[in-house]
Amino acid sequence: MAVLHYIHMRDSIRRQQIESGKTSARRRARIVLWSLPVLAALGLGVWLYGVNRHVDTVIAATEERTSQATIAFDELLPTLVQRRIDRENAENEAVRELVYQRTLDGYTTPPTLTNSRCNYLTSHDDPSAIDVLVSKKNCLIPLGYEPTTKTVYGATLQTEAADAYKQMIDAATADGYSIAATSSYRSYASQVSTYRYWLNYSGREEADAYSAYPGYSEHQTGLAADLGTPGCALGCFGRSAAYTWMNENAYKYGFIERYSDGEEAVTGYSYEPWHWRYVGIDTATEYRKSGATTLEEFWGTS
């Protein structure tokens, strides 16, 4: 009986151990299963942290390179702009010299331009528009441009300008002032003759101060007229009562004094109180209100 009792006790203990082992195994399994999401979350967090650190490092490096590139570009930009200006000036000067040489030789037709340009304006560059800007820096394109004109009171002008000119002269006459055009539209060929006259009269430096190369003259647009009063033209006109009337009233008809005193560095021309340019009533009125003394200033061009 003692032996049987021993065997029974041993088997009972073993069953308890086995059951306990199974319980422990299940407990460990549950712990492992419960731990997996936590471990996965921790692992994901560590991975995300690493990714974020890497991203931050990449962003910081990119920002640094961008900053350095921006600084380098900002430092280089003035040089690039100046190079472009120098190139445009060189090309313009090349065309001017070509036109000058042909004018000097008496050619009455414009040269054919290939690689060089003489007008880099991005606005006010349509020769048929009343807001075209023509100067020693900005030629007409094409150089031989010819407007549609009509002649009134001895002045040949672009059609719209001619109608406005007639109204202005009628108003001046009604107020007791006699004003007439001494020069108006000049074709490319006519400007060749005009420039050659001043060139022979006073030499190139002085001729350039008060005369334009063919293709660079406002007169070729049909929008400009040189005015005078009986017994008084050119500089004398600026001291006349008729000039005072023009200063006070010309804008009402769309005309402005184009080459003001003291603006030679901007316009490229000496003071010409006789030279009046048609820009239209609205523009002339705004021009007067603005206090501007050159179209370059008013239009923000050069």
Protein backbone atom coordinates (compact mmCIF):
# COMPACT_ATOMS: atom_id res chain seq x y z
CA MET A 1 0.00 0.00 0.00
CA ALA A 2 2.86 2.34 0.79
CA VAL A 3 4.32 1.71 -2.64
CA LEU A 4 1.06 2.43 -4.37
CA HIS A 5 0.64 5.60 -2.38
CA TYR A 6 4.12 6.70 -3.38
CA ILE A 7 3.44 6.04 -7.04
CA HIS A 8 0.20 7.92 -6.86
CA MET A 9 1.85 10.90 -5.19
CA ARG A 10 4.64 10.88 -7.76
CA ASP A 11 2.20 10.79 -10.66
CA SER A 12 0.15 13.58 -9.08
CA ILE A 13 3.23 15.76 -8.66
CA ARG A 14 4.26 15.12 -12.24
CA ARG A 15 0.80 16.02 -13.49
CA GLN A 16 0.94 19.22 -11.48
CA GLN A 17 4.37 19.98 -12.90
CA ILE A 18 3.17 19.30 -16.40
CA GLU A 19 0.09 21.43 -15.89
CA SER A 20 2.21 24.13 -14.31
CA GLY A 21 4.62 23.95 -17.25
CA LYS A 22 1.78 24.25 -19.69
CA THR A 23 0.42 27.21 -17.76
CA SER A 24 3.84 28.87 -17.75
CA ALA A 25 4.24 28.19 -21.46
CA ARG A 26 0.86 29.70 -22.17
CA ARG A 27 1.70 32.63 -19.94
CA ARG A 28 5.00 33.15 -21.76
CA ALA A 29 3.24 32.83 -25.08
CA ARG A 30 0.67 35.42 -24.04
CA ILE A 31 3.43 37.69 -22.81
CA VAL A 32 5.25 37.28 -26.11
CA LEU A 33 2.04 37.92 -28.07
CA TRP A 34 1.28 40.96 -25.95
CA SER A 35 4.83 42.18 -26.32
CA LEU A 36 4.94 41.90 -30.11
CA PRO A 37 2.77 45.01 -30.80
CA VAL A 38 4.70 46.97 -28.21
CA LEU A 39 8.00 45.86 -29.68
CA ALA A 40 6.70 46.58 -33.19
CA ALA A 41 5.57 50.03 -32.10
CA LEU A 42 8.91 50.68 -30.46
CA GLY A 43 10.72 49.45 -33.55
CA LEU A 44 8.53 51.61 -35.80
CA GLY A 45 9.15 54.58 -33.54
CA VAL A 46 12.89 54.03 -33.67
CA TRP A 47 12.71 53.65 -37.46
CA LEU A 48 10.59 56.76 -37.86
CA TYR A 49 12.94 58.67 -35.60
CA GLY A 50 15.82 57.60 -37.77
CA VAL A 51 13.96 58.53 -40.92
CA ASN A 52 13.05 61.93 -39.51
CA ARG A 53 16.63 62.53 -38.48
CA HIS A 54 17.75 61.58 -41.97
CA VAL A 55 15.11 63.81 -43.56
CA ASP A 56 16.10 66.69 -41.29
CA THR A 57 19.72 66.17 -42.26
CA VAL A 58 18.85 66.10 -45.98
CA ILE A 59 16.66 69.20 -45.65
CA ALA A 60 19.34 71.06 -43.73
CA ALA A 61 21.94 70.13 -46.33
CA THR A 62 19.60 71.11 -49.16
CA GLU A 63 18.79 74.44 -47.51
CA GLU A 64 22.48 75.09 -47.02
CA ARG A 65 23.24 74.33 -50.66
CA THR A 66 20.25 76.43 -51.76
CA SER A 67 21.38 79.30 -49.56
CA GLN A 68 24.89 79.10 -50.95
CA ALA A 69 23.55 78.92 -54.52
CA THR A 70 21.26 81.91 -53.88
CA ILE A 71 24.13 83.95 -52.48
CA ALA A 72 26.30 82.96 -55.43
CA PHE A 73 23.52 83.87 -57.90
CA ASP A 74 22.85 87.19 -56.16
CA GLU A 75 26.53 87.99 -56.43
CA LEU A 76 26.62 86.92 -60.06
CA LEU A 77 23.38 88.62 -61.16
CA PRO A 78 24.77 92.18 -61.43
CA THR A 79 27.58 90.84 -63.59
CA LEU A 80 25.14 88.98 -65.84
CA VAL A 81 22.91 92.05 -66.16
CA GLN A 82 25.88 94.26 -66.97
CA ARG A 83 27.09 91.78 -69.56
CA ARG A 84 23.68 91.86 -71.21
CA ILE A 85 23.61 95.66 -71.17
CA ASP A 86 27.12 95.80 -72.61
CA ARG A 87 26.17 93.35 -75.35
CA GLU A 88 23.03 95.31 -76.24
CA ASN A 89 24.95 98.58 -76.26
CA ALA A 90 27.66 97.06 -78.42
CA GLU A 91 25.12 95.74 -80.90
CA ASN A 92 23.27 99.06 -80.97
CA GLU A 93 26.52 100.91 -81.50
CA ALA A 94 27.46 98.52 -84.30
CA VAL A 95 24.18 99.30 -86.09
CA ARG A 96 24.58 103.03 -85.46
CA GLU A 97 28.08 102.94 -86.91
CA LEU A 98 26.86 100.99 -89.91
CA VAL A 99 24.05 103.49 -90.50
CA TYR A 100 26.49 106.37 -90.02
CA GLN A 101 28.95 105.00 -92.56
CA ARG A 102 26.21 104.43 -95.12
CA THR A 103 24.85 107.92 -94.48
CA LEU A 104 28.33 109.34 -94.83
CA ASP A 105 28.63 107.58 -98.18
CA GLY A 106 25.24 108.93 -99.28
CA TYR A 107 23.21 105.71 -99.22
CA THR A 108 19.52 106.58 -98.99
CA THR A 109 18.33 103.07 -98.13
CA PRO A 110 18.77 101.39 -94.73
CA PRO A 111 21.25 98.56 -94.27
CA THR A 112 20.01 95.01 -93.87
CA LEU A 113 20.46 93.95 -90.26
CA THR A 114 21.46 90.37 -89.48
CA ASN A 115 22.89 89.57 -86.04
CA SER A 116 22.93 93.02 -84.43
CA ARG A 117 19.91 94.87 -83.13
CA CYS A 118 19.32 98.54 -82.43
CA ASN A 119 16.21 98.34 -80.24
CA TYR A 120 15.81 96.17 -77.15
CA LEU A 121 12.64 97.75 -75.80
CA THR A 122 9.90 95.35 -74.76
CA SER A 123 7.26 98.08 -74.99
CA HIS A 124 6.77 101.31 -76.93
CA ASP A 125 8.52 99.69 -79.88
CA ASP A 126 5.70 99.57 -82.45
CA PRO A 127 6.59 102.24 -85.05
CA SER A 128 2.95 102.59 -86.10
CA ALA A 129 1.72 103.31 -82.54
CA ILE A 130 1.52 106.83 -81.13
CA ASP A 131 3.36 105.69 -78.00
CA VAL A 132 6.46 104.51 -79.87
CA LEU A 133 9.75 105.59 -78.29
CA VAL A 134 12.48 106.52 -80.73
CA SER A 135 15.84 107.76 -79.52
CA LYS A 136 19.55 107.46 -80.13
CA LYS A 137 19.43 104.19 -78.20
CA ASN A 138 16.26 102.85 -79.81
CA CYS A 139 15.82 102.76 -83.56
CA LEU A 140 12.73 102.16 -85.62
CA ILE A 141 12.21 98.56 -86.63
CA PRO A 142 12.34 98.34 -89.57
CA LEU A 143 14.86 101.13 -90.07
CA GLY A 144 13.07 102.23 -93.23
CA TYR A 145 9.59 102.39 -91.65
CA GLU A 146 7.10 104.62 -93.50
CA PRO A 147 3.85 105.77 -91.80
CA THR A 148 0.55 106.67 -93.44
CA THR A 149 0.52 110.46 -93.55
CA LYS A 150 -1.55 113.46 -94.54
CA THR A 151 -0.61 117.10 -94.96
CA VAL A 152 -2.39 119.94 -93.16
CA TYR A 153 -1.24 123.57 -92.99
CA GLY A 154 2.08 122.61 -94.54
CA ALA A 155 2.82 119.86 -92.01
CA THR A 156 2.99 116.23 -93.15
CA LEU A 157 2.19 113.98 -90.23
CA GLN A 158 0.77 110.58 -89.37
CA THR A 159 -2.99 110.75 -89.94
CA GLU A 160 -4.12 111.00 -86.30
CA ALA A 161 -1.35 113.46 -85.47
CA ALA A 162 -2.22 115.57 -88.51
CA ASP A 163 -5.85 115.92 -87.43
CA ALA A 164 -4.77 116.93 -83.91
CA TYR A 165 -2.21 119.37 -85.34
CA LYS A 166 -4.91 121.10 -87.40
CA GLN A 167 -7.10 121.56 -84.33
CA MET A 168 -4.14 122.95 -82.36
CA ILE A 169 -3.12 125.44 -85.04
CA ASP A 170 -6.74 126.55 -85.43
CA ALA A 171 -6.92 127.18 -81.66
CA ALA A 172 -3.61 129.08 -81.65
CA THR A 173 -4.78 131.21 -84.56
CA ALA A 174 -8.06 131.96 -82.80
CA ASP A 175 -6.04 133.13 -79.78
CA GLY A 176 -3.95 135.41 -82.01
CA TYR A 177 -0.77 133.30 -82.37
CA SER A 178 0.78 132.36 -85.67
CA ILE A 179 2.47 128.97 -85.49
CA ALA A 180 3.67 126.89 -88.42
CA ALA A 181 5.71 123.76 -88.99
CA THR A 182 9.22 124.27 -90.34
CA SER A 183 9.74 120.51 -90.58
CA SER A 184 7.56 117.46 -90.03
CA TYR A 185 7.63 113.95 -91.49
CA ARG A 186 10.97 112.94 -92.96
CA SER A 187 11.55 109.59 -94.61
CA TYR A 188 14.71 107.56 -94.09
CA ALA A 189 16.14 109.02 -97.29
CA SER A 190 15.20 112.56 -96.21
CA GLN A 191 16.88 112.03 -92.83
CA VAL A 192 20.04 110.96 -94.67
CA SER A 193 20.10 114.37 -96.34
CA THR A 194 19.27 116.20 -93.09
CA TYR A 195 21.98 114.47 -91.08
CA ARG A 196 24.57 114.92 -93.85
CA TYR A 197 23.76 118.65 -93.91
CA TRP A 198 24.43 119.07 -90.19
CA LEU A 199 27.44 116.78 -90.42
CA ASN A 200 29.01 118.93 -93.11
CA TYR A 201 27.97 122.11 -91.30
CA SER A 202 29.31 121.37 -87.83
CA GLY A 203 31.04 117.98 -87.70
CA ARG A 204 29.91 114.70 -86.23
CA GLU A 205 29.97 115.56 -82.51
CA GLU A 206 27.76 118.62 -82.84
CA ALA A 207 25.57 117.03 -85.51
CA ASP A 208 24.87 114.14 -83.12
CA ALA A 209 23.77 116.62 -80.46
CA TYR A 210 20.87 118.01 -82.48
CA SER A 211 20.28 115.63 -85.36
CA ALA A 212 19.37 111.96 -85.60
CA TYR A 213 20.70 109.16 -87.72
CA PRO A 214 18.26 107.83 -90.30
CA GLY A 215 16.08 105.22 -88.62
CA TYR A 216 16.55 106.89 -85.24
CA SER A 217 14.48 110.03 -85.83
CA GLU A 218 11.06 110.85 -84.40
CA HIS A 219 10.36 112.73 -87.62
CA GLN A 220 10.38 109.40 -89.47
CA THR A 221 7.39 108.25 -87.37
CA GLY A 222 5.26 111.14 -88.63
CA LEU A 223 4.54 112.07 -85.01
CA ALA A 224 6.91 115.04 -84.65
CA ALA A 225 6.97 118.58 -85.97
CA ASP A 226 9.45 121.42 -85.64
CA LEU A 227 7.54 124.63 -85.05
CA GLY A 228 8.23 128.30 -85.61
CA THR A 229 6.51 131.64 -85.66
CA PRO A 230 7.02 134.41 -88.26
CA GLY A 231 10.62 135.66 -88.07
CA CYS A 232 11.53 133.14 -85.37
CA ALA A 233 12.46 129.47 -85.66
CA LEU A 234 14.61 126.91 -83.86
CA GLY A 235 16.08 128.32 -80.61
CA CYS A 236 14.36 131.66 -81.08
CA PHE A 237 10.99 129.94 -80.90
CA GLY A 238 11.65 129.12 -77.25
CA ARG A 239 11.64 132.84 -76.42
CA SER A 240 8.46 133.67 -78.29
CA ALA A 241 4.90 134.24 -77.12
CA ALA A 242 3.85 131.41 -79.42
CA TYR A 243 6.08 129.05 -77.43
CA THR A 244 4.40 130.16 -74.21
CA TRP A 245 1.03 129.39 -75.78
CA MET A 246 2.28 125.92 -76.78
CA ASN A 247 3.49 125.23 -73.24
CA GLU A 248 0.09 126.11 -71.86
CA ASN A 249 -2.13 124.48 -74.47
CA ALA A 250 -0.36 121.87 -76.61
CA TYR A 251 -1.25 118.98 -74.26
CA LYS A 252 -4.94 119.62 -74.92
CA TYR A 253 -4.32 118.43 -78.48
CA GLY A 254 -1.94 115.59 -77.62
CA PHE A 255 1.43 117.30 -78.13
CA ILE A 256 4.37 117.61 -75.73
CA GLU A 257 7.74 119.31 -75.87
CA ARG A 258 10.04 116.36 -76.50
CA TYR A 259 13.57 117.58 -75.73
CA SER A 260 13.49 119.65 -72.55
CA ASP A 261 16.24 121.87 -71.25
CA GLY A 262 18.71 120.05 -69.00
CA GLU A 263 17.69 116.55 -70.10
CA GLU A 264 20.45 115.99 -72.67
CA ALA A 265 21.87 113.03 -70.72
CA VAL A 266 18.49 111.26 -70.92
CA THR A 267 17.26 112.15 -74.41
CA GLY A 268 20.65 112.41 -76.10
CA TYR A 269 19.70 115.74 -77.66
CA SER A 270 20.36 119.35 -76.87
CA TYR A 271 17.44 121.49 -75.77
CA GLU A 272 14.97 121.86 -78.67
CA PRO A 273 12.02 124.10 -77.79
CA TRP A 274 10.88 123.87 -81.40
CA HIS A 275 10.48 120.06 -81.47
CA TRP A 276 6.99 118.88 -80.50
CA ARG A 277 5.82 115.28 -80.38
CA TYR A 278 2.31 113.88 -80.68
CA VAL A 279 1.45 111.22 -78.06
CA GLY A 280 -2.33 111.59 -77.86
CA ILE A 281 -4.46 113.72 -75.55
CA ASP A 282 -4.70 111.22 -72.69
CA THR A 283 -0.96 110.58 -72.55
CA ALA A 284 -0.10 114.25 -72.98
CA THR A 285 -2.46 115.18 -70.13
CA GLU A 286 -1.01 112.53 -67.81
CA TYR A 287 2.49 113.55 -68.84
CA ARG A 288 1.78 117.15 -67.85
CA LYS A 289 0.23 116.12 -64.52
CA SER A 290 3.14 113.82 -63.69
CA GLY A 291 5.72 116.57 -63.90
CA ALA A 292 7.91 114.39 -66.11
CA THR A 293 10.20 116.17 -68.55
CA THR A 294 11.10 113.25 -70.81
CA LEU A 295 9.16 110.37 -72.29
CA GLU A 296 11.94 108.07 -71.09
CA GLU A 297 11.17 109.07 -67.52
CA PHE A 298 7.40 109.00 -67.99
CA TRP A 299 7.35 105.56 -69.62
CA GLY A 300 10.16 104.14 -67.51
CA THR A 301 12.27 103.29 -70.52
CA SER A 302 15.68 104.29 -71.80
